[in-house]
């Protein structure tokens, strides 16, 4: 392992809802000298484990059960402004990375990256540097400058989080429970989402999310 990917002394928390994926990450990180101090399979669990363990880096998947990675990131950064978080996603688009960086993520990597690039990303975030997947960097830079790559740019961060969950097929009550909100508050967010995006129903919302690469078909 080259020096720029060496993780000796780095304490890492893994958050991903797939046990096999977490095992693969653990093997890569420990092979580079890192210490995986804990694992979580949901956003809620990630918040609890972070409070317990205070790791140097949280490596967290965007798509997880419960509140999801972005809402977890927002809540974590509110409680721990100095938290260093590397976000991972299977989606290869600019929308989610822009949102994640805006919410305070220190790095963002597509899961299709090579193993050595994953370790390099963790190392950079652990040492206080920013990291962005090289393959995503041009599209993210363009999206941040123009907003053109983000079809849901008009949404606030909370509206965007609600939009994602509703587009995945969750009900208003389910979204309210996941985000610790009242159903009426989620209903208000839904109203604003429809107004801003000119959507009529849940089917149109799901279609927009799929076409934007935000959820899988």
N, C-alpha and C. Protein backbone atom coordinates (compact mmCIF):
# COMPACT_ATOMS: atom_id res chain seq x y z
N UNK A 1 0.86 -1.19 0.00
CA UNK A 1 0.00 0.00 0.00
C UNK A 1 0.90 1.24 0.00
N UNK A 2 0.63 2.19 -0.88
CA UNK A 2 1.46 3.37 -0.97
C UNK A 2 1.17 4.31 0.20
N UNK A 3 2.10 5.24 0.45
CA UNK A 3 1.97 6.10 1.62
C UNK A 3 0.73 6.99 1.55
N UNK A 4 0.29 7.38 0.34
CA UNK A 4 -0.84 8.29 0.25
C UNK A 4 -2.17 7.60 0.53
N UNK A 5 -2.14 6.28 0.70
CA UNK A 5 -3.37 5.57 1.06
C UNK A 5 -3.22 4.85 2.40
N UNK A 6 -2.22 5.24 3.17
CA UNK A 6 -1.97 4.56 4.44
C UNK A 6 -2.90 5.10 5.51
N UNK A 7 -3.54 4.21 6.26
CA UNK A 7 -4.56 4.61 7.22
C UNK A 7 -4.20 4.28 8.67
N UNK A 8 -2.93 4.01 8.95
CA UNK A 8 -2.55 3.62 10.30
C UNK A 8 -2.97 4.68 11.32
N UNK A 9 -3.66 4.22 12.38
CA UNK A 9 -4.11 5.12 13.44
C UNK A 9 -5.45 5.77 13.18
N UNK A 10 -6.04 5.51 12.02
CA UNK A 10 -7.32 6.13 11.67
C UNK A 10 -8.48 5.26 12.16
N UNK A 11 -9.40 5.87 12.94
CA UNK A 11 -10.56 5.16 13.49
C UNK A 11 -11.78 5.46 12.62
N UNK A 12 -12.40 4.41 12.10
CA UNK A 12 -13.43 4.56 11.08
C UNK A 12 -14.74 3.89 11.50
N UNK A 13 -15.84 4.57 11.25
CA UNK A 13 -17.18 4.01 11.44
C UNK A 13 -17.80 3.79 10.07
N UNK A 14 -18.33 2.59 9.84
CA UNK A 14 -18.95 2.25 8.57
C UNK A 14 -20.47 2.24 8.70
N UNK A 15 -21.17 2.89 7.78
CA UNK A 15 -22.63 2.89 7.78
C UNK A 15 -23.13 2.50 6.39
N UNK A 16 -23.66 1.29 6.30
CA UNK A 16 -24.22 0.77 5.05
C UNK A 16 -25.18 -0.34 5.43
N UNK A 17 -26.32 -0.43 4.75
CA UNK A 17 -27.31 -1.42 5.17
C UNK A 17 -27.03 -2.82 4.63
N UNK A 18 -25.97 -2.99 3.86
CA UNK A 18 -25.61 -4.31 3.34
C UNK A 18 -24.39 -4.86 4.08
N UNK A 19 -24.58 -5.96 4.80
CA UNK A 19 -23.50 -6.53 5.61
C UNK A 19 -22.30 -6.96 4.77
N UNK A 20 -22.56 -7.49 3.58
CA UNK A 20 -21.46 -7.93 2.71
C UNK A 20 -20.62 -6.74 2.26
N UNK A 21 -21.28 -5.62 1.96
CA UNK A 21 -20.58 -4.41 1.56
C UNK A 21 -19.71 -3.90 2.71
N UNK A 22 -20.28 -3.88 3.92
CA UNK A 22 -19.50 -3.44 5.08
C UNK A 22 -18.28 -4.31 5.30
N UNK A 23 -18.44 -5.62 5.09
CA UNK A 23 -17.31 -6.53 5.26
C UNK A 23 -16.21 -6.21 4.25
N UNK A 24 -16.61 -5.96 2.99
CA UNK A 24 -15.62 -5.60 1.97
C UNK A 24 -14.88 -4.32 2.32
N UNK A 25 -15.63 -3.32 2.79
CA UNK A 25 -15.00 -2.07 3.21
C UNK A 25 -14.04 -2.30 4.37
N UNK A 26 -14.49 -3.11 5.34
CA UNK A 26 -13.65 -3.39 6.51
C UNK A 26 -12.32 -4.02 6.11
N UNK A 27 -12.39 -4.99 5.22
CA UNK A 27 -11.17 -5.68 4.78
C UNK A 27 -10.22 -4.71 4.08
N UNK A 28 -10.77 -3.85 3.23
CA UNK A 28 -9.94 -2.88 2.53
C UNK A 28 -9.28 -1.90 3.51
N UNK A 29 -10.06 -1.39 4.44
CA UNK A 29 -9.56 -0.39 5.37
C UNK A 29 -8.55 -0.97 6.35
N UNK A 30 -8.85 -2.17 6.87
CA UNK A 30 -7.91 -2.80 7.80
C UNK A 30 -6.65 -3.22 7.07
N UNK A 31 -6.78 -3.58 5.80
CA UNK A 31 -5.61 -3.93 5.00
C UNK A 31 -4.69 -2.74 4.80
N UNK A 32 -5.26 -1.53 4.88
CA UNK A 32 -4.47 -0.31 4.73
C UNK A 32 -4.02 0.24 6.09
N UNK A 33 -4.26 -0.52 7.16
CA UNK A 33 -3.80 -0.10 8.48
C UNK A 33 -4.82 0.64 9.31
N UNK A 34 -6.05 0.83 8.78
CA UNK A 34 -7.09 1.53 9.52
C UNK A 34 -7.75 0.64 10.55
N UNK A 35 -8.47 1.25 11.49
CA UNK A 35 -9.21 0.51 12.51
C UNK A 35 -10.69 0.81 12.37
N UNK A 36 -11.48 -0.20 12.00
CA UNK A 36 -12.93 -0.04 11.91
C UNK A 36 -13.49 -0.24 13.32
N UNK A 37 -13.90 0.86 13.94
CA UNK A 37 -14.31 0.80 15.35
C UNK A 37 -15.78 0.45 15.52
N UNK A 38 -16.55 0.49 14.44
CA UNK A 38 -17.97 0.16 14.54
C UNK A 38 -18.65 0.15 13.20
N UNK A 39 -19.88 -0.42 13.19
CA UNK A 39 -20.68 -0.49 11.97
C UNK A 39 -22.12 -0.10 12.29
N UNK A 40 -22.83 0.38 11.27
CA UNK A 40 -24.23 0.73 11.41
C UNK A 40 -24.95 0.36 10.13
N UNK A 41 -26.23 -0.03 10.26
CA UNK A 41 -26.98 -0.45 9.09
C UNK A 41 -28.13 0.51 8.75
N UNK A 42 -28.15 1.67 9.41
CA UNK A 42 -29.17 2.69 9.13
C UNK A 42 -28.64 4.04 9.57
N UNK A 43 -29.32 5.10 9.14
CA UNK A 43 -28.91 6.44 9.55
C UNK A 43 -29.04 6.64 11.04
N UNK A 44 -30.14 6.15 11.61
CA UNK A 44 -30.35 6.29 13.04
C UNK A 44 -29.25 5.60 13.83
N UNK A 45 -28.89 4.39 13.39
CA UNK A 45 -27.82 3.65 14.07
C UNK A 45 -26.48 4.37 13.91
N UNK A 46 -26.25 4.98 12.76
CA UNK A 46 -25.01 5.71 12.52
C UNK A 46 -24.87 6.87 13.49
N UNK A 47 -25.97 7.58 13.74
CA UNK A 47 -25.93 8.70 14.69
C UNK A 47 -25.59 8.21 16.10
N UNK A 48 -26.23 7.12 16.50
CA UNK A 48 -25.96 6.57 17.84
C UNK A 48 -24.51 6.12 17.97
N UNK A 49 -24.03 5.40 16.96
CA UNK A 49 -22.67 4.86 17.02
C UNK A 49 -21.62 5.98 16.97
N UNK A 50 -21.93 7.04 16.23
CA UNK A 50 -20.98 8.16 16.16
C UNK A 50 -20.85 8.81 17.54
N UNK A 51 -21.98 8.99 18.23
CA UNK A 51 -21.94 9.57 19.58
C UNK A 51 -21.13 8.70 20.53
N UNK A 52 -21.28 7.38 20.39
CA UNK A 52 -20.59 6.45 21.29
C UNK A 52 -19.09 6.38 21.00
N UNK A 53 -18.73 6.41 19.72
CA UNK A 53 -17.37 6.07 19.32
C UNK A 53 -16.49 7.26 18.92
N UNK A 54 -17.09 8.39 18.56
CA UNK A 54 -16.37 9.56 18.05
C UNK A 54 -15.22 9.16 17.11
N UNK A 55 -15.55 8.55 15.97
CA UNK A 55 -14.52 8.11 15.03
C UNK A 55 -13.85 9.29 14.32
N UNK A 56 -12.72 9.02 13.71
CA UNK A 56 -12.05 10.05 12.90
C UNK A 56 -12.82 10.30 11.61
N UNK A 57 -13.41 9.24 11.07
CA UNK A 57 -14.15 9.34 9.80
C UNK A 57 -15.39 8.46 9.86
N UNK A 58 -16.49 8.99 9.34
CA UNK A 58 -17.69 8.19 9.11
C UNK A 58 -17.80 7.96 7.61
N UNK A 59 -17.81 6.70 7.19
CA UNK A 59 -18.02 6.34 5.79
C UNK A 59 -19.47 5.88 5.69
N UNK A 60 -20.28 6.63 4.94
CA UNK A 60 -21.73 6.39 4.97
C UNK A 60 -22.34 6.35 3.58
N UNK A 61 -23.18 5.34 3.36
CA UNK A 61 -23.92 5.21 2.11
C UNK A 61 -25.06 6.22 2.07
N UNK A 62 -25.34 6.74 0.90
CA UNK A 62 -26.45 7.69 0.74
C UNK A 62 -27.80 6.98 0.93
N UNK A 63 -27.93 5.79 0.35
CA UNK A 63 -29.21 5.08 0.34
C UNK A 63 -29.25 4.04 1.45
N UNK A 64 -29.95 4.36 2.54
CA UNK A 64 -30.11 3.43 3.65
C UNK A 64 -31.54 3.49 4.17
N UNK A 65 -31.97 2.47 4.89
CA UNK A 65 -33.31 2.50 5.48
C UNK A 65 -33.44 3.65 6.48
N UNK A 66 -34.67 3.95 6.86
CA UNK A 66 -34.88 5.02 7.82
C UNK A 66 -34.75 6.38 7.18
N UNK A 67 -34.08 7.29 7.85
CA UNK A 67 -34.01 8.66 7.36
C UNK A 67 -33.10 8.83 6.14
N UNK A 68 -32.23 7.85 5.87
CA UNK A 68 -31.35 7.94 4.70
C UNK A 68 -30.08 8.72 5.00
N UNK A 69 -29.13 8.60 4.10
CA UNK A 69 -27.81 9.18 4.33
C UNK A 69 -27.77 10.68 4.40
N UNK A 70 -28.49 11.38 3.51
CA UNK A 70 -28.42 12.84 3.49
C UNK A 70 -29.04 13.46 4.74
N UNK A 71 -30.19 12.96 5.16
CA UNK A 71 -30.82 13.48 6.38
C UNK A 71 -29.95 13.16 7.60
N UNK A 72 -29.32 11.99 7.59
CA UNK A 72 -28.41 11.63 8.68
C UNK A 72 -27.22 12.57 8.71
N UNK A 73 -26.68 12.87 7.54
CA UNK A 73 -25.55 13.79 7.44
C UNK A 73 -25.92 15.17 8.01
N UNK A 74 -27.10 15.65 7.64
CA UNK A 74 -27.54 16.96 8.11
C UNK A 74 -27.65 16.97 9.64
N UNK A 75 -28.24 15.94 10.20
CA UNK A 75 -28.42 15.86 11.65
C UNK A 75 -27.08 15.69 12.35
N UNK A 76 -26.20 14.89 11.79
CA UNK A 76 -24.89 14.66 12.39
C UNK A 76 -24.07 15.95 12.43
N UNK A 77 -24.05 16.68 11.31
CA UNK A 77 -23.26 17.90 11.26
C UNK A 77 -23.82 18.98 12.18
N UNK A 78 -25.13 18.95 12.43
CA UNK A 78 -25.71 19.90 13.37
C UNK A 78 -25.23 19.62 14.79
N UNK A 79 -25.09 18.34 15.12
CA UNK A 79 -24.64 17.95 16.46
C UNK A 79 -23.12 17.94 16.59
N UNK A 80 -22.44 17.62 15.49
CA UNK A 80 -20.97 17.53 15.48
C UNK A 80 -20.43 18.27 14.26
N UNK A 81 -20.30 19.58 14.34
CA UNK A 81 -19.88 20.38 13.18
C UNK A 81 -18.52 19.98 12.60
N UNK A 82 -17.67 19.38 13.41
CA UNK A 82 -16.33 19.01 12.94
C UNK A 82 -16.28 17.58 12.39
N UNK A 83 -17.42 16.89 12.37
CA UNK A 83 -17.43 15.50 11.90
C UNK A 83 -16.93 15.40 10.46
N UNK A 84 -16.10 14.41 10.23
CA UNK A 84 -15.56 14.16 8.88
C UNK A 84 -16.32 12.98 8.28
N UNK A 85 -17.02 13.24 7.20
CA UNK A 85 -17.89 12.23 6.61
C UNK A 85 -17.56 12.05 5.13
N UNK A 86 -17.35 10.79 4.74
CA UNK A 86 -17.22 10.43 3.34
C UNK A 86 -18.50 9.74 2.92
N UNK A 87 -19.22 10.32 1.96
CA UNK A 87 -20.47 9.75 1.48
C UNK A 87 -20.20 8.87 0.27
N UNK A 88 -20.93 7.74 0.21
CA UNK A 88 -20.81 6.81 -0.91
C UNK A 88 -22.17 6.62 -1.55
N UNK A 89 -22.17 6.39 -2.86
CA UNK A 89 -23.44 6.15 -3.55
C UNK A 89 -23.22 5.25 -4.75
N UNK A 90 -24.23 4.45 -5.06
CA UNK A 90 -24.18 3.62 -6.26
C UNK A 90 -24.60 4.44 -7.48
N UNK A 91 -25.22 5.60 -7.25
CA UNK A 91 -25.68 6.43 -8.35
C UNK A 91 -24.54 7.29 -8.89
N UNK A 92 -24.44 7.37 -10.21
CA UNK A 92 -23.37 8.12 -10.86
C UNK A 92 -23.96 9.39 -11.47
N UNK A 93 -24.34 10.34 -10.61
CA UNK A 93 -24.94 11.59 -11.08
C UNK A 93 -24.40 12.74 -10.25
N UNK A 94 -24.73 13.97 -10.65
CA UNK A 94 -24.20 15.15 -9.95
C UNK A 94 -25.12 15.66 -8.86
N UNK A 95 -26.39 15.27 -8.89
CA UNK A 95 -27.37 15.86 -7.98
C UNK A 95 -27.05 15.54 -6.52
N UNK A 96 -26.90 14.26 -6.22
CA UNK A 96 -26.65 13.84 -4.83
C UNK A 96 -25.32 14.37 -4.30
N UNK A 97 -24.21 14.30 -5.06
CA UNK A 97 -22.96 14.86 -4.54
C UNK A 97 -23.06 16.34 -4.19
N UNK A 98 -23.72 17.11 -5.03
CA UNK A 98 -23.87 18.54 -4.75
C UNK A 98 -24.62 18.74 -3.44
N UNK A 99 -25.70 17.99 -3.24
CA UNK A 99 -26.47 18.09 -2.00
C UNK A 99 -25.62 17.67 -0.80
N UNK A 100 -24.88 16.58 -0.94
CA UNK A 100 -24.06 16.06 0.16
C UNK A 100 -22.98 17.06 0.57
N UNK A 101 -22.31 17.64 -0.40
CA UNK A 101 -21.25 18.61 -0.11
C UNK A 101 -21.84 19.86 0.53
N UNK A 102 -23.03 20.26 0.08
CA UNK A 102 -23.70 21.43 0.64
C UNK A 102 -24.07 21.19 2.10
N UNK A 103 -24.38 19.94 2.43
CA UNK A 103 -24.77 19.60 3.81
C UNK A 103 -23.56 19.38 4.72
N UNK A 104 -22.36 19.42 4.16
CA UNK A 104 -21.18 19.33 5.00
C UNK A 104 -20.33 18.09 4.86
N UNK A 105 -20.63 17.23 3.88
CA UNK A 105 -19.77 16.07 3.66
C UNK A 105 -18.38 16.54 3.26
N UNK A 106 -17.36 15.84 3.74
CA UNK A 106 -15.98 16.18 3.37
C UNK A 106 -15.56 15.50 2.08
N UNK A 107 -16.28 14.44 1.71
CA UNK A 107 -15.92 13.72 0.49
C UNK A 107 -17.10 12.95 -0.06
N UNK A 108 -16.98 12.60 -1.33
CA UNK A 108 -18.05 11.85 -2.01
C UNK A 108 -17.40 10.93 -3.03
N UNK A 109 -17.82 9.65 -3.00
CA UNK A 109 -17.24 8.65 -3.89
C UNK A 109 -18.32 7.73 -4.42
N UNK A 110 -18.27 7.45 -5.72
CA UNK A 110 -19.18 6.48 -6.31
C UNK A 110 -18.69 5.08 -5.96
N UNK A 111 -19.62 4.18 -5.66
CA UNK A 111 -19.25 2.82 -5.26
C UNK A 111 -18.59 2.03 -6.38
N UNK A 112 -18.66 2.54 -7.58
CA UNK A 112 -18.01 1.84 -8.70
C UNK A 112 -16.51 2.13 -8.77
N UNK A 113 -16.02 2.96 -7.87
CA UNK A 113 -14.59 3.31 -7.86
C UNK A 113 -13.73 2.10 -7.52
N UNK A 114 -12.47 2.17 -7.92
CA UNK A 114 -11.52 1.09 -7.62
C UNK A 114 -11.23 1.05 -6.12
N UNK A 115 -10.91 -0.13 -5.58
CA UNK A 115 -10.63 -0.25 -4.15
C UNK A 115 -9.57 0.73 -3.65
N UNK A 116 -8.50 0.91 -4.41
CA UNK A 116 -7.44 1.83 -3.96
C UNK A 116 -7.94 3.29 -3.92
N UNK A 117 -8.90 3.61 -4.79
CA UNK A 117 -9.46 4.97 -4.77
C UNK A 117 -10.32 5.16 -3.53
N UNK A 118 -11.01 4.11 -3.11
CA UNK A 118 -11.81 4.16 -1.88
C UNK A 118 -10.92 4.44 -0.68
N UNK A 119 -9.83 3.72 -0.57
CA UNK A 119 -8.90 3.90 0.55
C UNK A 119 -8.29 5.30 0.51
N UNK A 120 -7.95 5.75 -0.70
CA UNK A 120 -7.39 7.10 -0.85
C UNK A 120 -8.39 8.17 -0.38
N UNK A 121 -9.65 7.96 -0.72
CA UNK A 121 -10.69 8.91 -0.32
C UNK A 121 -10.81 8.99 1.20
N UNK A 122 -10.81 7.83 1.85
CA UNK A 122 -10.90 7.80 3.32
C UNK A 122 -9.70 8.50 3.93
N UNK A 123 -8.53 8.26 3.38
CA UNK A 123 -7.31 8.89 3.89
C UNK A 123 -7.38 10.40 3.79
N UNK A 124 -7.84 10.92 2.65
CA UNK A 124 -7.91 12.37 2.47
C UNK A 124 -8.89 13.01 3.44
N UNK A 125 -10.05 12.38 3.60
CA UNK A 125 -11.05 12.92 4.52
C UNK A 125 -10.53 12.85 5.96
N UNK A 126 -9.84 11.77 6.30
CA UNK A 126 -9.30 11.60 7.66
C UNK A 126 -8.28 12.67 8.00
N UNK A 127 -7.55 13.15 7.01
CA UNK A 127 -6.51 14.16 7.24
C UNK A 127 -7.04 15.58 7.06
N UNK A 128 -8.36 15.71 6.95
CA UNK A 128 -8.96 17.04 6.88
C UNK A 128 -9.04 17.64 5.49
N UNK A 129 -8.75 16.83 4.48
CA UNK A 129 -8.83 17.32 3.11
C UNK A 129 -10.19 17.00 2.50
N UNK A 130 -10.55 17.73 1.47
CA UNK A 130 -11.77 17.44 0.73
C UNK A 130 -11.48 16.38 -0.32
N UNK A 131 -12.50 15.57 -0.63
CA UNK A 131 -12.33 14.57 -1.68
C UNK A 131 -13.59 14.49 -2.53
N UNK A 132 -13.40 14.43 -3.84
CA UNK A 132 -14.52 14.24 -4.76
C UNK A 132 -14.10 13.26 -5.84
N UNK A 133 -14.93 12.27 -6.06
CA UNK A 133 -14.67 11.26 -7.09
C UNK A 133 -14.24 11.95 -8.38
N UNK A 134 -13.05 11.63 -8.91
CA UNK A 134 -12.56 12.29 -10.12
C UNK A 134 -13.52 12.19 -11.31
N UNK A 135 -14.25 11.08 -11.39
CA UNK A 135 -15.18 10.91 -12.51
C UNK A 135 -16.40 11.83 -12.38
N UNK A 136 -16.72 12.22 -11.16
CA UNK A 136 -17.87 13.08 -10.93
C UNK A 136 -17.52 14.56 -10.90
N UNK A 137 -16.26 14.87 -10.70
CA UNK A 137 -15.85 16.25 -10.46
C UNK A 137 -16.32 17.24 -11.53
N UNK A 138 -16.15 16.96 -12.84
CA UNK A 138 -16.59 17.94 -13.84
C UNK A 138 -18.09 18.23 -13.78
N UNK A 139 -18.90 17.18 -13.64
CA UNK A 139 -20.35 17.36 -13.60
C UNK A 139 -20.77 18.10 -12.33
N UNK A 140 -20.11 17.80 -11.22
CA UNK A 140 -20.44 18.47 -9.96
C UNK A 140 -20.07 19.95 -10.03
N UNK A 141 -18.91 20.25 -10.60
CA UNK A 141 -18.49 21.64 -10.73
C UNK A 141 -19.49 22.42 -11.58
N UNK A 142 -19.94 21.82 -12.68
CA UNK A 142 -20.92 22.47 -13.55
C UNK A 142 -22.24 22.69 -12.82
N UNK A 143 -22.67 21.68 -12.08
CA UNK A 143 -23.94 21.78 -11.35
C UNK A 143 -23.88 22.86 -10.28
N UNK A 144 -22.74 22.97 -9.60
CA UNK A 144 -22.60 23.98 -8.55
C UNK A 144 -22.58 25.39 -9.13
N UNK A 145 -22.05 25.52 -10.36
CA UNK A 145 -21.99 26.83 -10.98
C UNK A 145 -23.34 27.27 -11.54
N UNK A 146 -24.02 26.33 -12.20
CA UNK A 146 -25.22 26.70 -12.93
C UNK A 146 -26.52 26.19 -12.34
N UNK A 147 -26.44 25.06 -11.60
CA UNK A 147 -27.65 24.42 -11.11
C UNK A 147 -28.40 23.68 -12.20
N UNK A 148 -27.87 23.72 -13.43
CA UNK A 148 -28.58 23.13 -14.56
C UNK A 148 -28.67 21.63 -14.48
N UNK A 149 -27.71 20.99 -13.81
CA UNK A 149 -27.70 19.53 -13.75
C UNK A 149 -28.65 19.00 -12.67
N UNK A 150 -29.27 19.90 -11.92
CA UNK A 150 -30.13 19.49 -10.82
C UNK A 150 -31.58 19.88 -11.11
N UNK A 151 -32.39 18.91 -11.55
CA UNK A 151 -33.78 19.23 -11.89
C UNK A 151 -34.63 19.58 -10.68
N UNK A 152 -34.11 19.32 -9.49
CA UNK A 152 -34.84 19.64 -8.26
C UNK A 152 -34.09 20.70 -7.44
N UNK A 153 -33.37 21.56 -8.13
CA UNK A 153 -32.56 22.58 -7.46
C UNK A 153 -33.39 23.54 -6.63
N UNK A 154 -34.65 23.71 -6.99
CA UNK A 154 -35.51 24.67 -6.27
C UNK A 154 -35.90 24.19 -4.89
N UNK A 155 -35.72 22.91 -4.61
CA UNK A 155 -36.13 22.36 -3.31
C UNK A 155 -35.12 22.69 -2.22
N UNK A 156 -35.62 22.94 -1.02
CA UNK A 156 -34.74 23.07 0.14
C UNK A 156 -34.19 21.69 0.49
N UNK A 157 -33.22 21.65 1.40
CA UNK A 157 -32.64 20.35 1.77
C UNK A 157 -33.69 19.44 2.39
N UNK A 158 -34.55 19.99 3.25
CA UNK A 158 -35.59 19.18 3.88
C UNK A 158 -36.61 18.71 2.84
N UNK A 159 -37.00 19.59 1.92
CA UNK A 159 -37.93 19.20 0.86
C UNK A 159 -37.32 18.12 -0.02
N UNK A 160 -36.03 18.24 -0.29
CA UNK A 160 -35.36 17.25 -1.13
C UNK A 160 -35.35 15.88 -0.44
N UNK A 161 -35.08 15.85 0.87
CA UNK A 161 -35.08 14.60 1.61
C UNK A 161 -36.46 13.95 1.58
N UNK A 162 -37.50 14.78 1.78
CA UNK A 162 -38.88 14.28 1.73
C UNK A 162 -39.21 13.79 0.33
N UNK A 163 -38.80 14.55 -0.67
CA UNK A 163 -39.02 14.18 -2.07
C UNK A 163 -38.45 12.79 -2.37
N UNK A 164 -37.23 12.53 -1.93
CA UNK A 164 -36.59 11.24 -2.19
C UNK A 164 -37.39 10.09 -1.59
N UNK A 165 -37.81 10.25 -0.34
CA UNK A 165 -38.54 9.18 0.33
C UNK A 165 -39.91 8.95 -0.32
N UNK A 166 -40.61 10.02 -0.66
CA UNK A 166 -41.91 9.87 -1.31
C UNK A 166 -41.75 9.24 -2.69
N UNK A 167 -40.69 9.62 -3.40
CA UNK A 167 -40.44 9.07 -4.74
C UNK A 167 -40.11 7.59 -4.67
N UNK A 168 -39.56 7.15 -3.54
CA UNK A 168 -39.25 5.73 -3.35
C UNK A 168 -40.49 4.91 -3.03
N UNK A 169 -41.64 5.60 -2.84
CA UNK A 169 -42.89 4.90 -2.60
C UNK A 169 -43.37 4.91 -1.16
N UNK A 170 -42.69 5.64 -0.29
CA UNK A 170 -43.12 5.72 1.11
C UNK A 170 -44.32 6.65 1.24
N UNK A 171 -45.19 6.36 2.19
CA UNK A 171 -46.36 7.20 2.43
C UNK A 171 -45.97 8.43 3.26
N UNK A 172 -46.87 9.39 3.31
CA UNK A 172 -46.64 10.59 4.12
C UNK A 172 -46.40 10.21 5.57
N UNK A 173 -47.20 9.29 6.10
CA UNK A 173 -47.03 8.87 7.50
C UNK A 173 -45.69 8.19 7.73
N UNK A 174 -45.27 7.37 6.77
CA UNK A 174 -43.98 6.69 6.89
C UNK A 174 -42.83 7.70 6.87
N UNK A 175 -42.91 8.68 5.98
CA UNK A 175 -41.87 9.71 5.90
C UNK A 175 -41.84 10.52 7.20
N UNK A 176 -43.02 10.83 7.72
CA UNK A 176 -43.09 11.58 8.98
C UNK A 176 -42.38 10.82 10.10
N UNK A 177 -42.60 9.52 10.15
CA UNK A 177 -41.98 8.70 11.19
C UNK A 177 -40.47 8.65 11.02
N UNK A 178 -40.01 8.50 9.78
CA UNK A 178 -38.57 8.39 9.52
C UNK A 178 -37.83 9.67 9.88
N UNK A 179 -38.47 10.83 9.62
CA UNK A 179 -37.80 12.11 9.85
C UNK A 179 -38.21 12.77 11.16
N UNK A 180 -39.00 12.06 11.98
CA UNK A 180 -39.44 12.58 13.27
C UNK A 180 -40.21 13.90 13.09
N UNK A 181 -41.10 13.91 12.10
CA UNK A 181 -41.93 15.07 11.82
C UNK A 181 -43.40 14.68 11.97
N UNK A 182 -44.27 15.65 12.03
CA UNK A 182 -45.70 15.36 12.03
C UNK A 182 -46.15 15.14 10.59
N UNK A 183 -47.19 14.32 10.37
CA UNK A 183 -47.71 14.12 9.02
C UNK A 183 -48.12 15.43 8.35
N UNK A 184 -48.65 16.37 9.13
CA UNK A 184 -49.05 17.65 8.54
C UNK A 184 -47.84 18.43 8.02
N UNK A 185 -46.71 18.33 8.72
CA UNK A 185 -45.49 19.01 8.26
C UNK A 185 -45.00 18.39 6.96
N UNK A 186 -45.03 17.06 6.89
CA UNK A 186 -44.64 16.38 5.64
C UNK A 186 -45.61 16.76 4.52
N UNK A 187 -46.90 16.87 4.85
CA UNK A 187 -47.89 17.28 3.87
C UNK A 187 -47.60 18.67 3.33
N UNK A 188 -47.15 19.57 4.20
CA UNK A 188 -46.79 20.92 3.76
C UNK A 188 -45.59 20.87 2.83
N UNK A 189 -44.58 20.05 3.18
CA UNK A 189 -43.42 19.88 2.30
C UNK A 189 -43.86 19.33 0.95
N UNK A 190 -44.76 18.36 0.96
CA UNK A 190 -45.25 17.76 -0.28
C UNK A 190 -45.94 18.81 -1.15
N UNK A 191 -46.73 19.66 -0.54
CA UNK A 191 -47.41 20.72 -1.28
C UNK A 191 -46.40 21.63 -1.97
N UNK A 192 -45.36 22.03 -1.22
CA UNK A 192 -44.34 22.91 -1.80
C UNK A 192 -43.56 22.21 -2.90
N UNK A 193 -43.29 20.92 -2.71
CA UNK A 193 -42.57 20.15 -3.73
C UNK A 193 -43.36 20.13 -5.04
N UNK A 194 -44.65 19.85 -4.94
CA UNK A 194 -45.51 19.81 -6.13
C UNK A 194 -45.58 21.18 -6.81
N UNK A 195 -45.66 22.22 -6.01
CA UNK A 195 -45.74 23.57 -6.57
C UNK A 195 -44.45 23.94 -7.30
N UNK A 196 -43.32 23.69 -6.64
CA UNK A 196 -42.02 24.08 -7.21
C UNK A 196 -41.67 23.28 -8.45
N UNK A 197 -42.03 21.99 -8.48
CA UNK A 197 -41.63 21.11 -9.58
C UNK A 197 -42.75 20.88 -10.58
N UNK A 198 -43.89 21.52 -10.34
CA UNK A 198 -45.05 21.39 -11.25
C UNK A 198 -45.45 19.93 -11.41
N UNK A 199 -45.58 19.23 -10.30
CA UNK A 199 -45.97 17.83 -10.30
C UNK A 199 -47.41 17.70 -9.79
N UNK A 200 -48.12 16.71 -10.32
CA UNK A 200 -49.52 16.53 -9.94
C UNK A 200 -49.74 15.41 -8.93
N UNK A 201 -48.90 14.37 -9.00
CA UNK A 201 -49.14 13.20 -8.16
C UNK A 201 -47.85 12.44 -7.87
N UNK A 202 -47.99 11.35 -7.12
CA UNK A 202 -46.84 10.54 -6.71
C UNK A 202 -46.16 9.87 -7.90
N UNK A 203 -46.94 9.49 -8.91
CA UNK A 203 -46.37 8.83 -10.08
C UNK A 203 -45.42 9.77 -10.83
N UNK A 204 -45.81 11.02 -10.97
CA UNK A 204 -44.95 12.00 -11.64
C UNK A 204 -43.69 12.27 -10.82
N UNK A 205 -43.85 12.26 -9.51
CA UNK A 205 -42.70 12.45 -8.63
C UNK A 205 -41.70 11.31 -8.79
N UNK A 206 -42.21 10.08 -8.80
CA UNK A 206 -41.34 8.91 -8.95
C UNK A 206 -40.65 8.93 -10.31
N UNK A 207 -41.38 9.32 -11.35
CA UNK A 207 -40.81 9.36 -12.71
C UNK A 207 -39.67 10.37 -12.78
N UNK A 208 -39.86 11.54 -12.19
CA UNK A 208 -38.80 12.55 -12.19
C UNK A 208 -37.56 12.04 -11.45
N UNK A 209 -37.78 11.38 -10.33
CA UNK A 209 -36.66 10.86 -9.54
C UNK A 209 -35.88 9.80 -10.31
N UNK A 210 -36.59 8.94 -11.02
CA UNK A 210 -35.93 7.89 -11.81
C UNK A 210 -35.16 8.51 -12.97
N UNK A 211 -35.79 9.42 -13.68
CA UNK A 211 -35.12 10.07 -14.83
C UNK A 211 -33.90 10.88 -14.40
N UNK A 212 -33.92 11.36 -13.17
CA UNK A 212 -32.79 12.14 -12.65
C UNK A 212 -31.69 11.27 -12.05
N UNK A 213 -31.94 9.95 -12.02
CA UNK A 213 -30.95 9.04 -11.45
C UNK A 213 -30.92 9.04 -9.94
N UNK A 214 -31.99 9.57 -9.31
CA UNK A 214 -31.99 9.68 -7.85
C UNK A 214 -32.49 8.41 -7.17
N UNK A 215 -33.35 7.67 -7.86
CA UNK A 215 -33.80 6.37 -7.35
C UNK A 215 -33.78 5.39 -8.51
N UNK A 216 -33.69 4.10 -8.15
CA UNK A 216 -33.65 3.08 -9.19
C UNK A 216 -35.06 2.76 -9.67
N UNK A 217 -35.16 2.45 -10.96
CA UNK A 217 -36.48 2.14 -11.56
C UNK A 217 -36.99 0.82 -11.01
